[in-house]
């Protein structure tokens, strides 16, 4: 039974007139396998190949890689191929994929002609579905898990999360941070200037957080 299915798939792919048609069939197949998989909620079970031109960087990644590390990453991909997909979120309105993690693998494909040619300009990706703050948190978690993240960049992301109304507790929980680290970031980014004139404590909230709470309270009124 399986052998017949495989032969039918091979025939369907071989009949395609273009690379785009072949990849459409193979990506559809990967999507179907992902739906049938008993291992749920694991994006790595669905690796798709998409044109790198349809992939874009995010504007909040605090991870930076030195030139020698970029060259090593290039050599790794040249020798071993892509061993990890790039994590993305799909922007349906723009029909583009925004990077959550893997920006430098994306750069290697775009900037090194031999890698681009070998992959026919296609980048391996996995997809997650997250809100903007959740995407920021996911990017930092990926970076911190590898032991690489820019302190300045992370501070900017935390500032944006606070400004979007996330609580201190949620930020610490999502980013794996201690309260003391968040407090230091609040000071270094100038958040202390946004606080109400109250005695310093762990529950300090910036003006935007307070505005969001007030809006929520008004919505709850009958």
Protein backbone atom coordinates (compact mmCIF):
# COMPACT_ATOMS: atom_id res chain seq x y z
CA UNK A 1 0.00 0.00 0.00
CA UNK A 2 2.70 2.49 1.05
CA UNK A 3 4.84 1.52 -1.93
CA UNK A 4 1.98 2.32 -4.32
CA UNK A 5 1.42 5.71 -2.68
CA UNK A 6 5.11 6.52 -2.98
CA UNK A 7 5.18 5.53 -6.65
CA UNK A 8 2.13 7.70 -7.36
CA UNK A 9 3.77 10.66 -5.63
CA UNK A 10 7.00 10.16 -7.56
CA UNK A 11 5.06 10.08 -10.81
CA UNK A 12 3.17 13.24 -9.89
CA UNK A 13 6.38 15.10 -9.08
CA UNK A 14 8.14 13.90 -12.24
CA UNK A 15 5.26 15.15 -14.38
CA UNK A 16 5.69 18.73 -13.09
CA UNK A 17 7.04 21.21 -15.60
CA UNK A 18 8.68 23.56 -13.12
CA UNK A 19 10.43 23.64 -9.77
CA UNK A 20 7.58 25.70 -8.33
CA UNK A 21 5.06 23.01 -9.20
CA UNK A 22 7.25 20.30 -7.68
CA UNK A 23 7.72 22.24 -4.45
CA UNK A 24 4.00 22.99 -4.23
CA UNK A 25 3.24 19.27 -4.35
CA UNK A 26 5.95 18.40 -1.82
CA UNK A 27 4.94 21.19 0.56
CA UNK A 28 1.29 20.11 0.32
CA UNK A 29 2.41 16.59 1.16
CA UNK A 30 4.38 17.82 4.18
CA UNK A 31 1.33 19.79 5.33
CA UNK A 32 -0.82 16.66 5.06
CA UNK A 33 1.70 14.53 6.97
CA UNK A 34 1.82 17.19 9.67
CA UNK A 35 -1.97 17.06 10.03
CA UNK A 36 -1.91 13.28 10.36
CA UNK A 37 1.06 13.16 12.73
CA UNK A 38 0.34 11.82 16.24
CA UNK A 39 3.11 14.12 17.54
CA UNK A 40 1.13 17.33 17.84
CA UNK A 41 2.16 20.97 18.36
CA UNK A 42 5.71 20.49 17.10
CA UNK A 43 6.48 22.83 14.18
CA UNK A 44 9.59 20.84 13.28
CA UNK A 45 7.24 18.12 12.02
CA UNK A 46 6.32 20.48 9.15
CA UNK A 47 9.38 21.81 7.31
CA UNK A 48 8.45 23.72 4.17
CA UNK A 49 10.70 25.10 1.43
CA UNK A 50 9.76 28.61 0.36
CA UNK A 51 11.40 31.23 -1.92
CA UNK A 52 13.77 33.32 0.17
CA UNK A 53 12.34 36.42 -1.51
CA UNK A 54 9.09 35.77 0.38
CA UNK A 55 10.90 35.75 3.73
CA UNK A 56 11.62 38.93 5.68
CA UNK A 57 13.53 39.77 8.83
CA UNK A 58 11.79 41.07 11.93
CA UNK A 59 12.70 44.42 13.44
CA UNK A 60 13.28 43.29 17.01
CA UNK A 61 15.85 40.46 16.98
CA UNK A 62 18.49 41.31 19.61
CA UNK A 63 20.90 38.58 18.50
CA UNK A 64 24.07 39.64 16.71
CA UNK A 65 26.72 37.41 15.11
CA UNK A 66 30.34 38.39 14.52
CA UNK A 67 31.86 38.10 11.04
CA UNK A 68 33.93 35.03 11.91
CA UNK A 69 30.81 33.28 13.25
CA UNK A 70 28.94 34.12 10.04
CA UNK A 71 31.77 32.59 8.01
CA UNK A 72 31.62 29.48 10.19
CA UNK A 73 27.85 29.27 9.71
CA UNK A 74 28.36 29.55 5.95
CA UNK A 75 30.93 26.73 6.03
CA UNK A 76 28.59 24.60 8.14
CA UNK A 77 25.72 25.02 5.68
CA UNK A 78 28.07 24.51 2.72
CA UNK A 79 29.44 21.25 4.15
CA UNK A 80 26.37 19.85 5.89
CA UNK A 81 23.44 21.63 4.25
CA UNK A 82 20.61 23.18 6.27
CA UNK A 83 20.28 21.06 9.40
CA UNK A 84 17.83 23.44 11.09
CA UNK A 85 14.88 25.27 9.54
CA UNK A 86 14.20 28.95 10.05
CA UNK A 87 11.28 29.61 12.41
CA UNK A 88 8.71 32.00 10.91
CA UNK A 89 5.21 33.37 11.25
CA UNK A 90 3.08 33.76 8.14
CA UNK A 91 1.76 37.22 7.27
CA UNK A 92 -1.33 36.39 5.25
CA UNK A 93 -1.99 39.98 4.18
CA UNK A 94 1.50 40.45 2.73
CA UNK A 95 1.88 36.78 1.72
CA UNK A 96 5.27 36.77 3.40
CA UNK A 97 7.04 34.88 6.15
CA UNK A 98 8.52 36.89 9.03
CA UNK A 99 11.50 35.37 10.82
CA UNK A 100 11.23 34.48 14.50
CA UNK A 101 14.53 32.61 14.72
CA UNK A 102 17.19 31.78 12.15
CA UNK A 103 17.92 35.20 10.66
CA UNK A 104 21.58 34.35 10.05
CA UNK A 105 20.75 31.12 8.22
CA UNK A 106 18.48 33.27 6.07
CA UNK A 107 21.36 35.69 5.50
CA UNK A 108 23.67 32.91 4.37
CA UNK A 109 21.20 31.80 1.73
CA UNK A 110 20.70 35.36 0.50
CA UNK A 111 24.33 36.47 0.57
CA UNK A 112 26.26 33.41 -0.63
CA UNK A 113 25.61 32.60 -4.26
CA UNK A 114 26.73 28.97 -4.03
CA UNK A 115 24.27 28.28 -1.19
CA UNK A 116 21.50 30.11 -3.02
CA UNK A 117 22.11 28.13 -6.23
CA UNK A 118 22.34 24.79 -4.47
CA UNK A 119 18.97 25.37 -2.78
CA UNK A 120 17.41 27.00 -5.86
CA UNK A 121 16.75 30.06 -3.73
CA UNK A 122 14.53 28.08 -1.35
CA UNK A 123 14.74 28.38 2.43
CA UNK A 124 13.60 25.64 4.83
CA UNK A 125 11.14 27.03 7.39
CA UNK A 126 8.77 25.95 10.12
CA UNK A 127 5.73 27.97 11.12
CA UNK A 128 4.32 29.09 14.45
CA UNK A 129 1.24 31.26 15.06
CA UNK A 130 1.99 33.99 17.59
CA UNK A 131 1.01 37.56 18.44
CA UNK A 132 3.66 40.29 18.16
CA UNK A 133 4.66 40.15 21.85
CA UNK A 134 4.69 36.36 21.78
CA UNK A 135 6.94 36.50 18.71
CA UNK A 136 9.32 38.84 20.52
CA UNK A 137 9.38 36.49 23.50
CA UNK A 138 9.96 33.48 21.26
CA UNK A 139 12.91 35.19 19.55
CA UNK A 140 14.57 35.98 22.86
CA UNK A 141 13.96 32.46 24.18
CA UNK A 142 15.65 30.98 21.13
CA UNK A 143 18.61 33.34 21.53
CA UNK A 144 18.95 32.80 25.28
CA UNK A 145 18.75 29.02 24.88
CA UNK A 146 21.84 29.24 22.67
CA UNK A 147 23.52 31.60 25.12
CA UNK A 148 23.52 34.45 22.58
CA UNK A 149 21.59 37.65 22.79
CA UNK A 150 22.34 41.34 22.73
CA UNK A 151 21.64 43.05 26.05
CA UNK A 152 20.75 46.29 24.30
CA UNK A 153 18.45 44.57 21.83
CA UNK A 154 16.76 42.54 24.54
CA UNK A 155 16.18 45.71 26.56
CA UNK A 156 14.45 47.32 23.60
CA UNK A 157 12.20 44.29 23.18
CA UNK A 158 11.30 44.27 26.88
CA UNK A 159 10.51 48.00 26.66
CA UNK A 160 8.10 47.31 23.77
CA UNK A 161 6.45 44.44 25.65
CA UNK A 162 5.87 46.67 28.65
CA UNK A 163 4.56 49.43 26.42
CA UNK A 164 2.13 46.94 24.86
CA UNK A 165 0.76 46.20 28.31
CA UNK A 166 2.40 42.93 29.34
CA UNK A 167 2.82 42.59 33.10
CA UNK A 168 6.19 42.21 34.79
CA UNK A 169 5.23 38.70 35.87
CA UNK A 170 4.34 37.58 32.36
CA UNK A 171 7.52 39.01 30.85
CA UNK A 172 9.66 37.25 33.46
CA UNK A 173 7.78 34.00 32.88
CA UNK A 174 7.90 34.16 29.07
CA UNK A 175 11.56 35.23 28.83
CA UNK A 176 12.95 33.16 31.69
CA UNK A 177 14.07 36.30 33.54
CA UNK A 178 14.43 37.07 37.23
CA UNK A 179 12.61 40.11 38.66
CA UNK A 180 15.94 41.75 39.45
CA UNK A 181 17.02 41.49 35.79
CA UNK A 182 13.78 43.10 34.63
CA UNK A 183 14.21 45.89 37.15
CA UNK A 184 17.72 46.59 35.86
CA UNK A 185 16.41 46.71 32.30
CA UNK A 186 13.67 49.14 33.32
CA UNK A 187 16.33 51.46 34.68
CA UNK A 188 18.78 51.16 31.79
CA UNK A 189 16.05 51.80 29.20
CA UNK A 190 14.72 54.83 31.04
CA UNK A 191 11.51 53.18 32.20
CA UNK A 192 12.02 54.62 35.68
CA UNK A 193 11.13 58.03 34.19
CA UNK A 194 7.75 56.68 33.08
CA UNK A 195 6.67 55.43 36.50
CA UNK A 196 4.21 57.20 38.67
CA UNK A 197 5.64 59.05 41.66
CA UNK A 198 5.43 56.14 44.07
CA UNK A 199 7.85 54.35 46.32
CA UNK A 200 10.04 51.84 44.43
CA UNK A 201 8.85 48.24 44.58
CA UNK A 202 8.60 45.13 42.42
CA UNK A 203 5.06 46.01 41.36
CA UNK A 204 6.04 49.27 39.63
CA UNK A 205 4.02 49.80 36.49
CA UNK A 206 4.69 52.24 33.69
CA UNK A 207 2.02 54.65 32.50
CA UNK A 208 1.10 52.58 29.46
CA UNK A 209 0.44 49.50 31.60
CA UNK A 210 -1.80 51.59 33.86
CA UNK A 211 -3.69 53.03 30.89
CA UNK A 212 -4.40 49.53 29.56
CA UNK A 213 -5.64 48.40 32.98
CA UNK A 214 -7.97 51.41 33.18
CA UNK A 215 -9.31 50.70 29.68
CA UNK A 216 -9.96 47.11 30.69
CA UNK A 217 -11.77 48.21 33.85
CA UNK A 218 -14.00 50.56 31.82
CA UNK A 219 -14.85 47.75 29.39
CA UNK A 220 -15.96 45.59 32.32
CA UNK A 221 -18.44 48.19 33.55
CA UNK A 222 -22.13 47.40 32.83
